[in-house]
């Protein structure tokens, strides 16, 4: 039973690896950015658990900034992906401009929330 599960797991990872190898480079860069944003949020949560959350607004602002940026980057990835039929008429420059504008609004709100 354990060998079958191990072989199935290896086959699953191999198929995921081969499918991701066909992904365009610009989507891989966006994936890396999303991973970095989520990892930064996790570091902040671990730091808050160890040290404490005295300036709670600052902690909340930092985590919400990371998570919000990751969500906006996922939206950018969806819009830039050529295989997505829903956004086929949207040029990548327009999607990136939307991403930048939404990030600007997000961080203005975050800066106001810090106080």
Protein backbone atom coordinates (compact mmCIF):
# COMPACT_ATOMS: atom_id res chain seq x y z
CA UNK A 1 0.00 0.00 0.00
CA UNK A 2 2.82 2.42 0.86
CA UNK A 3 4.67 1.71 -2.38
CA UNK A 4 1.57 2.39 -4.43
CA UNK A 5 1.03 5.69 -2.64
CA UNK A 6 4.66 6.64 -3.12
CA UNK A 7 4.53 5.84 -6.84
CA UNK A 8 1.29 7.77 -7.22
CA UNK A 9 2.79 10.76 -5.45
CA UNK A 10 5.88 10.68 -7.64
CA UNK A 11 3.73 10.41 -10.77
CA UNK A 12 1.62 13.36 -9.62
CA UNK A 13 4.66 15.54 -8.95
CA UNK A 14 6.21 14.52 -12.26
CA UNK A 15 3.07 15.47 -14.19
CA UNK A 16 2.81 18.79 -12.33
CA UNK A 17 6.47 19.52 -13.07
CA UNK A 18 6.09 18.76 -16.77
CA UNK A 19 2.90 20.84 -17.03
CA UNK A 20 4.53 23.79 -15.25
CA UNK A 21 7.55 23.58 -17.55
CA UNK A 22 5.27 24.62 -20.42
CA UNK A 23 4.15 27.74 -18.55
CA UNK A 24 5.40 31.03 -20.05
CA UNK A 25 8.16 32.88 -18.21
CA UNK A 26 6.09 35.97 -17.42
CA UNK A 27 3.53 33.80 -15.58
CA UNK A 28 6.32 32.08 -13.65
CA UNK A 29 7.62 35.49 -12.55
CA UNK A 30 4.15 36.47 -11.33
CA UNK A 31 3.91 33.13 -9.47
CA UNK A 32 7.24 33.86 -7.79
CA UNK A 33 5.98 37.32 -6.77
CA UNK A 34 2.80 35.83 -5.26
CA UNK A 35 4.89 33.26 -3.36
CA UNK A 36 7.15 36.00 -2.04
CA UNK A 37 4.18 38.11 -0.87
CA UNK A 38 2.56 35.18 0.95
CA UNK A 39 5.89 34.15 2.48
CA UNK A 40 6.41 37.71 3.75
CA UNK A 41 2.95 37.67 5.33
CA UNK A 42 3.74 34.37 7.04
CA UNK A 43 7.01 35.77 8.39
CA UNK A 44 5.11 38.72 9.85
CA UNK A 45 2.58 36.40 11.50
CA UNK A 46 5.35 34.26 13.02
CA UNK A 47 7.12 37.41 14.24
CA UNK A 48 3.88 38.63 15.84
CA UNK A 49 3.40 35.26 17.55
CA UNK A 50 6.93 35.34 18.97
CA UNK A 51 7.35 39.03 19.90
CA UNK A 52 3.78 40.20 20.36
CA UNK A 53 1.44 42.54 18.60
CA UNK A 54 1.86 45.83 20.44
CA UNK A 55 1.30 48.14 17.48
CA UNK A 56 -1.56 45.97 16.21
CA UNK A 57 -2.45 48.43 13.42
CA UNK A 58 1.06 48.11 12.03
CA UNK A 59 0.91 44.33 12.12
CA UNK A 60 -2.50 44.30 10.44
CA UNK A 61 -1.36 46.79 7.83
CA UNK A 62 1.70 44.74 6.95
CA UNK A 63 -0.18 41.47 6.63
CA UNK A 64 -3.07 43.01 4.69
CA UNK A 65 -0.61 44.72 2.38
CA UNK A 66 1.10 41.41 1.59
CA UNK A 67 -2.13 39.48 1.14
CA UNK A 68 -3.75 42.26 -0.91
CA UNK A 69 -0.73 42.48 -3.17
CA UNK A 70 -0.78 38.70 -3.65
CA UNK A 71 -4.48 38.79 -4.57
CA UNK A 72 -3.89 41.58 -7.08
CA UNK A 73 -0.98 39.65 -8.58
CA UNK A 74 -3.18 36.58 -8.98
CA UNK A 75 -5.71 38.76 -10.80
CA UNK A 76 -2.90 40.03 -13.02
CA UNK A 77 -1.85 36.46 -13.76
CA UNK A 78 -5.40 35.54 -14.75
CA UNK A 79 -5.65 38.53 -17.08
CA UNK A 80 -2.22 38.03 -18.70
CA UNK A 81 -2.61 34.27 -19.27
CA UNK A 82 -3.08 33.65 -23.00
CA UNK A 83 -5.05 30.43 -22.39
CA UNK A 84 -7.79 32.35 -20.56
CA UNK A 85 -10.54 33.00 -23.09
CA UNK A 86 -12.36 35.53 -20.89
CA UNK A 87 -9.64 38.19 -21.17
CA UNK A 88 -8.42 37.49 -24.71
CA UNK A 89 -9.21 41.05 -25.90
CA UNK A 90 -7.41 42.70 -22.95
CA UNK A 91 -3.86 43.76 -23.80
CA UNK A 92 -1.19 42.86 -21.22
CA UNK A 93 -0.21 46.53 -20.87
CA UNK A 94 -3.74 47.39 -19.77
CA UNK A 95 -3.76 44.53 -17.25
CA UNK A 96 -0.44 45.72 -15.82
CA UNK A 97 -1.72 49.32 -15.63
CA UNK A 98 -4.78 48.07 -13.71
CA UNK A 99 -2.47 46.13 -11.38
CA UNK A 100 -0.33 49.20 -10.68
CA UNK A 101 -3.35 51.45 -10.11
CA UNK A 102 -5.02 48.97 -7.77
CA UNK A 103 -1.75 48.54 -5.85
CA UNK A 104 -1.51 52.31 -5.50
CA UNK A 105 -5.03 52.51 -4.08
CA UNK A 106 -4.40 49.52 -1.80
CA UNK A 107 -1.25 51.02 -0.35
CA UNK A 108 -2.83 54.44 0.12
CA UNK A 109 -5.55 52.78 2.18
CA UNK A 110 -2.93 50.77 4.11
CA UNK A 111 -0.92 53.94 4.85
CA UNK A 112 -4.07 55.64 6.19
CA UNK A 113 -4.87 52.60 8.32
CA UNK A 114 -1.45 52.67 9.99
CA UNK A 115 -2.41 56.03 11.39
